[in-house]
Amino acid sequence: MIGLLRGTILDKRPPHLLLEVQGVGYELEAPLTTFYDLPATGGVVTLYTHLAVREDAHLLYGFAKVTDRDLFRHLLRVNGVGARLALTILSGMDAGAFARCIQAGDTATLVRLPGVGRKTAERLIVEMRDRLDAIAGITLSSPGVAAARPPATPLEDAVTALIGLGYKPQEASRMVRAIDTAELSSEEIIRTALQASVQ
C-alpha cells in the first residue's frame, strides 16, 4: 500500500496530477480542495495517498491533509458511494464543512453537490454520523461556523460555485481556464464562464 508520496509536481490538470518521486512519475487524482493548497508546477509537495486496486486498473488518489484522506476512505464504505463521488464531495467542501453538514443533518447543502441526490445525502448523514469521531483532525464545530482556512481566491470561489451548479470538477476548472480571469471578481468569472459555455 502506498500511503504517502513526496515529490515534484510535473503537471496538474484537475483532478489529475503527475508527481515525480525519485525518477518515477506517479499519476494521481485529487479533490479541488487539495489543488488549492498545491504549489506551482515544479514545486515539491507531500501528499497522503490512497491506492484503489481494481481488476482493470490501480488508481492512486492524493490529498494535502491526512484528514481528507481518512474522510475519503470512510466515504468509500458508505453504500452507493464510489471513489468518483467521494472525490466530488471533497472537491465541493472541505472535511470541516462536510462534518458540519452531517452533524446538522443538512441534506439541502449535500444535494447541491453533483451526483448527490436526496437519498444519497440521507444515507451519508446516517452512515457517517458515527464515523466522524474516528477521523483524526476533523473539525467538529457547531453548524454555521465556518472552518478556519485561508481566504479563497476569486478563481477558487468560481470553480467551487460551478461545481455547486452541477458541473464536474474537471469541467468547472476547464471553463475558468478558458477565460482571462485577471482582476475579475468571482461573480464575473462565473458569469463569463457560463456565457462562454452556451455560445
Protein backbone atom coordinates (compact mmCIF):
# COMPACT_ATOMS: atom_id res chain seq x y z
CA MET A 1 0.00 0.00 0.00
CA ILE A 2 1.28 3.46 -0.93
CA GLY A 3 0.36 5.79 1.93
CA LEU A 4 2.41 8.91 1.23
CA LEU A 5 4.39 10.46 -1.61
CA ARG A 6 6.81 13.39 -1.57
CA GLY A 7 7.95 14.66 -4.92
CA THR A 8 7.96 17.33 -7.61
CA ILE A 9 4.81 18.38 -9.43
CA LEU A 10 5.31 17.85 -13.15
CA ASP A 11 1.76 18.54 -14.28
CA LYS A 12 -1.57 19.41 -12.69
CA ARG A 13 -4.86 19.42 -14.54
CA PRO A 14 -7.68 18.97 -12.03
CA PRO A 15 -8.47 16.35 -10.97
CA HIS A 16 -5.30 14.78 -12.44
CA LEU A 17 -1.82 15.29 -11.05
CA LEU A 18 1.59 13.96 -12.13
CA LEU A 19 4.16 13.70 -9.36
CA GLU A 20 7.82 12.71 -9.85
CA VAL A 21 9.29 10.78 -6.93
CA GLN A 22 12.96 9.80 -7.37
CA GLY A 23 12.65 9.46 -11.13
CA VAL A 24 9.27 7.71 -11.12
CA GLY A 25 6.15 9.55 -12.29
CA TYR A 26 3.01 8.83 -10.30
CA GLU A 27 -0.38 9.69 -11.77
CA LEU A 28 -2.89 10.69 -9.10
CA GLU A 29 -6.37 12.11 -8.84
CA ALA A 30 -7.05 14.70 -6.16
CA PRO A 31 -10.01 16.80 -4.98
CA LEU A 32 -10.05 20.51 -5.74
CA THR A 33 -9.60 21.27 -2.03
CA THR A 34 -6.15 19.67 -2.38
CA PHE A 35 -5.36 21.55 -5.62
CA TYR A 36 -5.98 24.84 -3.79
CA ASP A 37 -3.05 24.04 -1.47
CA LEU A 38 -0.59 22.86 -4.13
CA PRO A 39 2.49 24.87 -5.11
CA ALA A 40 3.10 25.75 -8.75
CA THR A 41 4.37 23.19 -11.24
CA GLY A 42 7.96 22.36 -10.32
CA GLY A 43 7.27 22.72 -6.61
CA VAL A 44 7.77 19.96 -4.06
CA VAL A 45 4.74 18.59 -2.24
CA THR A 46 3.87 15.83 0.21
CA LEU A 47 0.57 14.05 -0.39
CA TYR A 48 -1.23 11.42 1.65
CA THR A 49 -2.43 8.75 -0.73
CA HIS A 50 -4.99 6.01 -1.14
CA LEU A 51 -4.41 3.17 -3.60
CA ALA A 52 -7.51 1.56 -5.10
CA VAL A 53 -6.87 -1.79 -6.78
CA ARG A 54 -9.38 -2.86 -9.42
CA GLU A 55 -9.34 -5.66 -11.96
CA ASP A 56 -8.60 -3.25 -14.79
CA ALA A 57 -6.53 -0.58 -13.05
CA HIS A 58 -4.60 0.59 -9.99
CA LEU A 59 -5.80 4.09 -9.14
CA LEU A 60 -3.94 6.44 -6.81
CA TYR A 61 -5.66 9.32 -5.03
CA GLY A 62 -3.76 12.16 -3.34
CA PHE A 63 -4.71 14.51 -0.51
CA ALA A 64 -2.99 17.51 1.05
CA LYS A 65 -4.23 16.57 4.53
CA VAL A 66 -4.44 13.19 6.23
CA THR A 67 -7.91 14.22 7.46
CA ASP A 68 -9.15 14.43 3.86
CA ARG A 69 -7.61 11.06 3.00
CA ASP A 70 -9.25 9.45 6.04
CA LEU A 71 -12.61 11.01 5.20
CA PHE A 72 -12.27 9.73 1.62
CA ARG A 73 -11.72 6.21 2.95
CA HIS A 74 -14.76 6.42 5.21
CA LEU A 75 -16.89 7.73 2.35
CA LEU A 76 -15.94 4.68 0.28
CA ARG A 77 -17.57 2.48 2.94
CA VAL A 78 -20.93 4.20 2.51
CA ASN A 79 -23.33 2.15 0.41
CA GLY A 80 -23.59 3.64 -3.08
CA VAL A 81 -20.56 5.95 -2.77
CA GLY A 82 -17.63 5.14 -5.03
CA ALA A 83 -14.29 6.84 -5.48
CA ARG A 84 -15.60 9.28 -8.11
CA LEU A 85 -18.43 10.53 -5.90
CA ALA A 86 -16.19 10.68 -2.81
CA LEU A 87 -13.73 12.83 -4.79
CA THR A 88 -16.58 15.09 -5.93
CA ILE A 89 -17.78 15.54 -2.34
CA LEU A 90 -14.29 16.53 -1.19
CA SER A 91 -13.99 18.89 -4.16
CA GLY A 92 -17.18 20.67 -3.21
CA MET A 93 -16.44 21.13 0.50
CA ASP A 94 -13.60 20.59 2.94
CA ALA A 95 -13.72 17.99 5.71
CA GLY A 96 -14.87 20.52 8.31
CA ALA A 97 -17.79 21.72 6.18
CA PHE A 98 -18.78 18.12 5.48
CA ALA A 99 -18.68 17.28 9.19
CA ARG A 100 -20.95 20.22 9.97
CA CYS A 101 -23.45 19.07 7.31
CA ILE A 102 -23.51 15.60 8.85
CA GLN A 103 -23.90 16.94 12.38
CA ALA A 104 -26.74 19.25 11.38
CA GLY A 105 -28.46 16.71 9.13
CA ASP A 106 -28.14 19.30 6.35
CA THR A 107 -29.35 17.41 3.27
CA ALA A 108 -30.04 20.69 1.43
CA THR A 109 -26.33 21.53 1.25
CA LEU A 110 -25.28 17.98 0.39
CA VAL A 111 -27.69 17.66 -2.55
CA ARG A 112 -26.09 20.71 -4.17
CA LEU A 113 -23.03 18.56 -4.84
CA PRO A 114 -23.05 16.93 -8.31
CA GLY A 115 -24.14 13.30 -8.12
CA VAL A 116 -25.61 13.56 -4.62
CA GLY A 117 -29.37 13.05 -4.62
CA ARG A 118 -31.63 13.23 -1.58
CA LYS A 119 -31.41 9.51 -0.84
CA THR A 120 -27.62 9.56 -1.03
CA ALA A 121 -27.50 12.65 1.20
CA GLU A 122 -29.72 10.97 3.78
CA ARG A 123 -27.58 7.82 3.64
CA LEU A 124 -24.42 9.88 4.14
CA ILE A 125 -25.89 11.53 7.22
CA VAL A 126 -26.99 8.24 8.77
CA GLU A 127 -23.84 6.26 7.99
CA MET A 128 -21.22 8.97 8.53
CA ARG A 129 -22.53 10.44 11.77
CA ASP A 130 -20.94 7.73 13.92
CA ARG A 131 -17.73 7.66 11.87
CA LEU A 132 -16.69 11.29 12.24
CA ASP A 133 -15.10 10.68 15.65
CA ALA A 134 -12.77 8.13 14.06
CA ILE A 135 -11.32 10.69 11.64
CA ALA A 136 -8.32 12.35 13.28
CA GLY A 137 -8.15 16.12 13.00
CA ILE A 138 -11.64 16.70 11.65
CA THR A 139 -13.20 19.93 12.93
CA LEU A 140 -16.49 19.18 14.66
CA SER A 141 -17.60 22.76 15.20
CA SER A 142 -21.19 23.84 15.55
CA PRO A 143 -23.29 24.28 12.38
CA GLY A 144 -22.99 27.65 10.72
CA VAL A 145 -19.47 28.33 11.98
CA ALA A 146 -17.04 28.40 9.07
CA ALA A 147 -13.91 26.30 9.28
CA ALA A 148 -10.73 28.34 9.59
CA ARG A 149 -8.88 28.38 6.25
CA PRO A 150 -7.10 30.96 4.12
CA PRO A 151 -9.48 33.18 2.13
CA ALA A 152 -10.32 31.61 -1.21
CA THR A 153 -9.26 33.41 -4.37
CA PRO A 154 -11.94 34.57 -6.85
CA LEU A 155 -10.83 31.75 -9.16
CA GLU A 156 -11.27 29.11 -6.41
CA ASP A 157 -14.66 30.56 -5.48
CA ALA A 158 -15.75 30.44 -9.11
CA VAL A 159 -14.73 26.80 -9.55
CA THR A 160 -16.49 25.82 -6.31
CA ALA A 161 -19.64 27.66 -7.39
CA LEU A 162 -19.65 25.96 -10.80
CA ILE A 163 -19.36 22.58 -9.07
CA GLY A 164 -22.31 23.61 -6.91
CA LEU A 165 -24.24 24.30 -10.13
CA GLY A 166 -23.70 20.70 -11.20
CA TYR A 167 -20.56 20.86 -13.34
CA LYS A 168 -17.95 18.16 -12.84
CA PRO A 169 -14.74 19.38 -11.11
CA GLN A 170 -12.59 18.95 -14.21
CA GLU A 171 -15.24 20.64 -16.36
CA ALA A 172 -15.52 23.60 -13.99
CA SER A 173 -11.74 24.02 -13.96
CA ARG A 174 -11.61 23.86 -17.76
CA MET A 175 -14.33 26.51 -18.04
CA VAL A 176 -12.46 29.06 -15.91
CA ARG A 177 -9.10 28.29 -17.55
CA ALA A 178 -10.61 29.19 -20.93
CA ILE A 179 -11.08 32.83 -19.95
CA ASP A 180 -8.82 35.66 -18.78
CA THR A 181 -9.57 35.84 -15.06
CA ALA A 182 -7.11 38.62 -14.19
CA GLU A 183 -8.70 41.27 -11.99
CA LEU A 184 -12.16 39.68 -12.26
CA SER A 185 -14.34 39.03 -9.23
CA SER A 186 -15.64 35.50 -8.63
CA GLU A 187 -19.11 36.59 -9.84
CA GLU A 188 -17.65 37.98 -13.07
CA ILE A 189 -15.62 34.80 -13.64
CA ILE A 190 -18.74 32.65 -13.12
CA ARG A 191 -20.87 34.82 -15.42
CA THR A 192 -18.21 34.86 -18.18
CA ALA A 193 -17.68 31.10 -17.93
CA LEU A 194 -21.42 30.38 -18.11
CA GLN A 195 -21.87 32.73 -21.07
CA ALA A 196 -18.97 31.07 -22.91
CA SER A 197 -20.39 27.61 -22.26
CA VAL A 198 -23.67 28.37 -24.09
CA GLN A 199 -22.14 30.07 -27.10
